[in-house]
C-alpha atoms as a PDB file:
ATOM      1  CA  UNK A   1      80.099 111.348 107.342  1.00  0.00           C
ATOM      2  CA  UNK A   2      77.387 109.053 106.183  1.00  0.00           C
ATOM      3  CA  UNK A   3      79.461 106.187 104.583  1.00  0.00           C
ATOM      4  CA  UNK A   4      77.948 102.013 103.578  1.00  0.00           C
ATOM      5  CA  UNK A   5      79.720  99.194 101.998  1.00  0.00           C
ATOM      6  CA  UNK A   6      78.760  96.207 101.565  1.00  0.00           C
ATOM      7  CA  UNK A   7      81.163  92.339 100.288  1.00  0.00           C
ATOM      8  CA  UNK A   8      79.793  90.537  98.258  1.00  0.00           C
ATOM      9  CA  UNK A   9      81.353  87.378  95.765  1.00  0.00           C
ATOM     10  CA  UNK A  10      80.885  88.381  92.109  1.00  0.00           C
ATOM     11  CA  UNK A  11      78.353  85.844  90.871  1.00  0.00           C
ATOM     12  CA  UNK A  12      79.046  87.084  86.478  1.00  0.00           C
ATOM     13  CA  UNK A  13      81.335  85.049  84.050  1.00  0.00           C
ATOM     14  CA  UNK A  14      83.286  87.941  83.713  1.00  0.00           C
ATOM     15  CA  UNK A  15      84.037  88.555  87.402  1.00  0.00           C
ATOM     16  CA  UNK A  16      83.694  85.239  88.467  1.00  0.00           C
ATOM     17  CA  UNK A  17      85.613  84.455  92.041  1.00  0.00           C
ATOM     18  CA  UNK A  18      86.644  87.651  92.878  1.00  0.00           C
ATOM     19  CA  UNK A  19      84.971  90.008  95.585  1.00  0.00           C
ATOM     20  CA  UNK A  20      83.542  93.497  94.542  1.00  0.00           C
ATOM     21  CA  UNK A  21      83.791  95.205  98.135  1.00  0.00           C
ATOM     22  CA  UNK A  22      80.788  98.125  96.899  1.00  0.00           C
ATOM     23  CA  UNK A  23      81.190 101.955  98.958  1.00  0.00           C
ATOM     24  CA  UNK A  24      78.948 104.360  99.259  1.00  0.00           C
ATOM     25  CA  UNK A  25      79.004 108.025 100.408  1.00  0.00           C
ATOM     26  CA  UNK A  26      78.994 111.460 100.749  1.00  0.00           C
ATOM     27  CA  UNK A  27      80.954 113.668  97.880  1.00  0.00           C
ATOM     28  CA  UNK A  28      82.171 116.800 100.040  1.00  0.00           C
ATOM     29  CA  UNK A  29      81.823 119.550  97.579  1.00  0.00           C
ATOM     30  CA  UNK A  30      78.923 118.566  96.373  1.00  0.00           C
ATOM     31  CA  UNK A  31      77.087 116.376  99.311  1.00  0.00           C
ATOM     32  CA  UNK A  32      75.359 114.242  95.970  1.00  0.00           C
ATOM     33  CA  UNK A  33      76.214 109.871  96.562  1.00  0.00           C
ATOM     34  CA  UNK A  34      79.490 108.025  95.202  1.00  0.00           C
ATOM     35  CA  UNK A  35      80.368 104.756  94.871  1.00  0.00           C
ATOM     36  CA  UNK A  36      83.463 103.412  94.591  1.00  0.00           C
ATOM     37  CA  UNK A  37      83.533  99.501  93.199  1.00  0.00           C
ATOM     38  CA  UNK A  38      87.010  97.345  94.496  1.00  0.00           C
ATOM     39  CA  UNK A  39      88.044  93.856  93.683  1.00  0.00           C
ATOM     40  CA  UNK A  40      89.769  91.585  94.811  1.00  0.00           C
ATOM     41  CA  UNK A  41      90.789  87.591  94.467  1.00  0.00           C
ATOM     42  CA  UNK A  42      90.655  87.023  97.860  1.00  0.00           C
ATOM     43  CA  UNK A  43      88.476  87.747 100.915  1.00  0.00           C
ATOM     44  CA  UNK A  44      91.001  89.303 103.095  1.00  0.00           C
ATOM     45  CA  UNK A  45      92.247  91.995 100.628  1.00  0.00           C
ATOM     46  CA  UNK A  46      89.173  93.153  99.586  1.00  0.00           C
ATOM     47  CA  UNK A  47      87.918  93.930 103.376  1.00  0.00           C
ATOM     48  CA  UNK A  48      91.995  95.151 103.481  1.00  0.00           C
ATOM     49  CA  UNK A  49      91.300  97.418 100.768  1.00  0.00           C
ATOM     50  CA  UNK A  50      87.856  98.584 101.983  1.00  0.00           C
ATOM     51  CA  UNK A  51      89.174  99.994 105.436  1.00  0.00           C
ATOM     52  CA  UNK A  52      92.351 102.060 104.049  1.00  0.00           C
ATOM     53  CA  UNK A  53      89.990 102.797 101.155  1.00  0.00           C
ATOM     54  CA  UNK A  54      87.136 104.428 103.861  1.00  0.00           C
ATOM     55  CA  UNK A  55      90.378 105.836 106.431  1.00  0.00           C
ATOM     56  CA  UNK A  56      91.052 107.738 103.326  1.00  0.00           C
ATOM     57  CA  UNK A  57      87.067 109.931 102.673  1.00  0.00           C
ATOM     58  CA  UNK A  58      87.557 110.321 106.962  1.00  0.00           C
ATOM     59  CA  UNK A  59      91.364 112.092 106.630  1.00  0.00           C
ATOM     60  CA  UNK A  60      89.502 113.689 103.403  1.00  0.00           C
ATOM     61  CA  UNK A  61      86.246 113.745 104.226  1.00  0.00           C
ATOM     62  CA  UNK A  62      84.878 113.056 101.424  1.00  0.00           C
ATOM     63  CA  UNK A  63      86.972 114.780  99.401  1.00  0.00           C
ATOM     64  CA  UNK A  64      89.059 111.996  98.220  1.00  0.00           C
ATOM     65  CA  UNK A  65      88.045 110.874  94.841  1.00  0.00           C
ATOM     66  CA  UNK A  66      87.233 114.527  94.147  1.00  0.00           C
ATOM     67  CA  UNK A  67      91.334 116.210  94.461  1.00  0.00           C
ATOM     68  CA  UNK A  68      91.761 117.440  90.234  1.00  0.00           C
ATOM     69  CA  UNK A  69      88.763 118.139  89.943  1.00  0.00           C
ATOM     70  CA  UNK A  70      88.351 120.360  92.973  1.00  0.00           C
ATOM     71  CA  UNK A  71      88.545 124.459  92.274  1.00  0.00           C
ATOM     72  CA  UNK A  72      89.622 125.620  95.231  1.00  0.00           C
ATOM     73  CA  UNK A  73      86.243 127.743  96.903  1.00  0.00           C
ATOM     74  CA  UNK A  74      85.597 123.844  96.997  1.00  0.00           C
ATOM     75  CA  UNK A  75      89.008 122.896  99.133  1.00  0.00           C
ATOM     76  CA  UNK A  76      88.334 126.364 101.079  1.00  0.00           C
ATOM     77  CA  UNK A  77      84.766 125.443 102.613  1.00  0.00           C
ATOM     78  CA  UNK A  78      85.567 121.999 102.856  1.00  0.00           C
ATOM     79  CA  UNK A  79      88.120 122.960 105.122  1.00  0.00           C
ATOM     80  CA  UNK A  80      86.023 125.707 106.888  1.00  0.00           C
ATOM     81  CA  UNK A  81      82.715 123.249 107.057  1.00  0.00           C
ATOM     82  CA  UNK A  82      85.422 120.984 108.390  1.00  0.00           C
ATOM     83  CA  UNK A  83      88.778 122.144 109.910  1.00  0.00           C
ATOM     84  CA  UNK A  84      88.024 125.926 110.382  1.00  0.00           C
ATOM     85  CA  UNK A  85      85.515 125.405 113.592  1.00  0.00           C
ATOM     86  CA  UNK A  86      85.760 127.396 117.081  1.00  0.00           C
ATOM     87  CA  UNK A  87      87.971 126.224 118.927  1.00  0.00           C
ATOM     88  CA  UNK A  88      86.544 122.953 121.855  1.00  0.00           C
ATOM     89  CA  UNK A  89      88.547 123.637 125.028  1.00  0.00           C
ATOM     90  CA  UNK A  90      87.812 121.067 127.784  1.00  0.00           C
ATOM     91  CA  UNK A  91      89.646 121.325 130.755  1.00  0.00           C
ATOM     92  CA  UNK A  92      91.368 123.847 129.259  1.00  0.00           C
ATOM     93  CA  UNK A  93      93.454 121.571 126.415  1.00  0.00           C
ATOM     94  CA  UNK A  94      92.057 122.984 123.124  1.00  0.00           C
ATOM     95  CA  UNK A  95      91.121 119.115 121.840  1.00  0.00           C
ATOM     96  CA  UNK A  96      89.018 121.022 118.139  1.00  0.00           C
ATOM     97  CA  UNK A  97      88.959 123.429 115.643  1.00  0.00           C
ATOM     98  CA  UNK A  98      91.020 126.668 115.184  1.00  0.00           C
ATOM     99  CA  UNK A  99      91.989 129.222 118.587  1.00  0.00           C
ATOM    100  CA  UNK A 100      91.252 132.330 116.440  1.00  0.00           C
ATOM    101  CA  UNK A 101      89.119 131.935 113.746  1.00  0.00           C
ATOM    102  CA  UNK A 102      89.177 135.702 112.188  1.00  0.00           C
ATOM    103  CA  UNK A 103      92.799 135.331 111.264  1.00  0.00           C
ATOM    104  CA  UNK A 104      91.541 132.480 109.373  1.00  0.00           C
ATOM    105  CA  UNK A 105      88.165 133.522 107.703  1.00  0.00           C
ATOM    106  CA  UNK A 106      90.181 136.428 106.778  1.00  0.00           C
ATOM    107  CA  UNK A 107      93.699 134.131 104.871  1.00  0.00           C
ATOM    108  CA  UNK A 108      90.505 132.275 103.098  1.00  0.00           C
ATOM    109  CA  UNK A 109      89.048 134.973 101.620  1.00  0.00           C
ATOM    110  CA  UNK A 110      92.232 136.419  99.737  1.00  0.00           C
ATOM    111  CA  UNK A 111      92.529 133.581  98.461  1.00  0.00           C
ATOM    112  CA  UNK A 112      89.392 133.425  96.710  1.00  0.00           C
ATOM    113  CA  UNK A 113      89.824 136.375  95.214  1.00  0.00           C
ATOM    114  CA  UNK A 114      93.315 135.691  94.044  1.00  0.00           C
ATOM    115  CA  UNK A 115      92.042 131.665  92.897  1.00  0.00           C
ATOM    116  CA  UNK A 116      88.578 132.178  92.296  1.00  0.00           C
END
């Protein structure tokens, strides 16, 4: 996932002296670019807020801001792309993915029919 961020001090009269973090990322469900702005009084607080937001984005694969609006079908698509992949086995140890995709796809199919 491509994430860009910019940290700068505001020059606007209403936010003069405040630190602004602008984060641009691709939304997981739609693939569109989204933008988030975070405002803090101190630079160190702005950097911490940026790092925390980026960490949440990486954990949710870009779906963090759309949780309340996301349909089950969108969620299932994100899960299939990000988590339910063919297992990658290195030296006999599963490092990522799932060992068997058939049951997962079957479960998601049934749940998609039910929740729509």
